[in-house]
Protein backbone atom coordinates (compact mmCIF):
# COMPACT_ATOMS: atom_id res chain seq x y z
CA UNK A 1 145.90 150.03 243.40
CA UNK A 2 147.84 149.08 245.86
CA UNK A 3 151.00 146.49 245.53
CA UNK A 4 153.32 146.13 248.41
CA UNK A 5 155.92 143.66 248.43
CA UNK A 6 156.55 143.44 252.26
CA UNK A 7 153.33 143.06 254.26
CA UNK A 8 154.67 145.25 256.75
CA UNK A 9 153.83 148.34 254.44
CA UNK A 10 151.04 146.57 253.64
CA UNK A 11 149.60 146.82 257.32
CA UNK A 12 148.86 142.98 257.69
CA UNK A 13 150.47 140.49 260.11
CA UNK A 14 151.45 136.57 258.73
CA UNK A 15 154.15 136.29 261.97
CA UNK A 16 151.24 133.94 263.48
CA UNK A 17 151.17 131.75 260.91
CA UNK A 18 154.13 129.77 261.46
CA UNK A 19 154.38 129.68 264.86
CA UNK A 20 158.25 128.64 265.21
CA UNK A 21 156.82 125.53 262.57
CA UNK A 22 157.59 126.36 259.03
CA UNK A 23 158.76 130.14 257.59
CA UNK A 24 156.43 132.55 256.10
CA UNK A 25 157.69 134.81 253.35
CA UNK A 26 155.22 137.88 252.16
CA UNK A 27 155.08 138.12 248.79
CA UNK A 28 152.29 140.86 247.72
CA UNK A 29 149.38 142.59 249.05
CA UNK A 30 146.70 144.23 246.17
CA UNK A 31 143.95 145.55 247.10
CA UNK A 32 141.05 144.69 245.06
CA UNK A 33 137.90 146.10 243.89
CA UNK A 34 135.55 143.71 245.53
CA UNK A 35 134.06 143.64 248.88
CA UNK A 36 134.00 141.16 251.74
CA UNK A 37 130.99 141.19 253.92
CA UNK A 38 130.18 144.84 252.59
CA UNK A 39 133.83 145.72 253.58
CA UNK A 40 137.01 146.96 251.53
CA UNK A 41 139.53 143.80 251.11
CA UNK A 42 142.93 142.84 249.98
CA UNK A 43 144.68 139.73 248.44
CA UNK A 44 147.65 139.18 250.04
CA UNK A 45 150.08 136.20 249.11
CA UNK A 46 152.83 134.53 251.17
CA UNK A 47 155.06 131.35 250.48
CA UNK A 48 155.02 129.09 253.38
CA UNK A 49 158.09 126.72 253.62
CA UNK A 50 158.18 123.42 256.23
CA UNK A 51 160.98 121.40 256.67
CA UNK A 52 160.56 117.20 256.72
CA UNK A 53 158.48 116.45 259.72
CA UNK A 54 157.72 120.33 260.63
CA UNK A 55 153.96 121.01 261.98
CA UNK A 56 151.82 124.16 261.73
CA UNK A 57 149.89 125.34 264.14
CA UNK A 58 146.00 125.16 263.91
CA UNK A 59 144.65 128.26 262.80
CA UNK A 60 141.57 130.29 260.50
CA UNK A 61 141.71 133.10 258.22
CA UNK A 62 139.72 136.26 258.16
CA UNK A 63 138.40 135.27 254.04
CA UNK A 64 139.10 132.52 251.73
CA UNK A 65 142.07 130.88 251.29
CA UNK A 66 143.74 129.24 248.17
CA UNK A 67 146.84 127.21 247.79
CA UNK A 68 149.32 125.53 245.33
CA UNK A 69 151.97 123.21 246.65
CA UNK A 70 155.06 124.43 244.76
CA UNK A 71 157.21 121.60 246.31
CA UNK A 72 157.66 118.85 248.53
CA UNK A 73 154.78 117.28 250.49
CA UNK A 74 152.00 118.76 252.57
CA UNK A 75 149.28 117.47 254.81
CA UNK A 76 146.23 119.91 254.74
CA UNK A 77 142.97 119.76 256.61
CA UNK A 78 139.82 121.76 257.54
CA UNK A 79 137.37 121.37 259.91
CA UNK A 80 136.47 117.75 260.39
CA UNK A 81 137.21 116.86 256.93
CA UNK A 82 140.10 113.86 256.64
CA UNK A 83 143.91 114.95 255.86
CA UNK A 84 144.79 114.82 252.76
CA UNK A 85 148.64 114.62 251.64
CA UNK A 86 149.01 117.30 248.63
CA UNK A 87 151.94 116.84 246.04
CA UNK A 88 153.04 119.49 243.56
CA UNK A 89 150.91 120.68 241.51
CA UNK A 90 147.98 120.11 243.14
CA UNK A 91 145.68 123.26 245.28
CA UNK A 92 143.67 123.48 247.69
CA UNK A 93 140.76 125.81 249.13
CA UNK A 94 139.63 127.02 252.66
CA UNK A 95 136.42 129.17 253.33
CA UNK A 96 136.38 131.64 255.72
CA UNK A 97 136.45 131.00 258.97
CA UNK A 98 137.16 127.66 258.77
CA UNK A 99 139.39 125.75 260.95
CA UNK A 100 143.06 124.77 259.35
CA UNK A 101 143.52 122.05 261.74
CA UNK A 102 146.44 120.26 259.75
CA UNK A 103 149.16 121.84 258.21
CA UNK A 104 152.22 119.47 258.27
CA UNK A 105 155.67 118.28 256.10
CA UNK A 106 155.42 114.36 255.99
CA UNK A 107 157.91 114.26 253.37
CA UNK A 108 161.47 113.60 253.70
CA UNK A 109 162.34 117.09 251.40
CA UNK A 110 161.50 120.74 252.37
CA UNK A 111 157.88 121.67 251.10
CA UNK A 112 156.78 125.06 250.02
CA UNK A 113 153.00 126.37 249.39
CA UNK A 114 152.31 129.50 247.82
CA UNK A 115 149.17 130.82 249.18
CA UNK A 116 147.08 133.80 248.77
CA UNK A 117 144.17 134.80 251.65
CA UNK A 118 141.48 137.31 250.37
CA UNK A 119 140.81 139.49 253.34
CA UNK A 120 139.17 142.75 254.69
CA UNK A 121 141.81 145.41 254.53
CA UNK A 122 141.50 146.31 258.25
CA UNK A 123 142.34 142.79 259.08
CA UNK A 124 145.05 142.97 261.77
CA UNK A 125 146.38 139.73 260.71
CA UNK A 126 145.56 137.25 258.28
CA UNK A 127 145.99 133.95 260.61
CA UNK A 128 144.44 133.83 263.80
CA UNK A 129 144.42 131.00 266.77
CA UNK A 130 141.55 128.91 266.67
CA UNK A 131 139.98 130.53 269.39
CA UNK A 132 139.99 134.05 268.41
CA UNK A 133 137.80 135.78 265.94
CA UNK A 134 139.39 138.69 263.52
């Protein structure tokens, strides 16, 4: 099993997630035994922070994503579902390939989210722009 504390060593990029809006801190990348769509897979964890009023860009993930709000308020929506404002301790799930269309901090304090993405090990990025396929 591989455990990397820097995603650069894991070979997975996360730079597109913030698009200049929010900060992404790589935490871990772990090769897992289960396969995704018949491919060797990895679980990657990041901490995403948004200052008050910051808005992230729409994006997709090459596998399912799970999130946990650590602090602040986090407005989140996927596909055509209505947006929700999540508070500390609340979680969310994004199916592989769905459009994460709303990602923002509507609050007055910093928001921090812990996110795990399961993805093929050979994925070049764990976040891709809406019009691109991984």
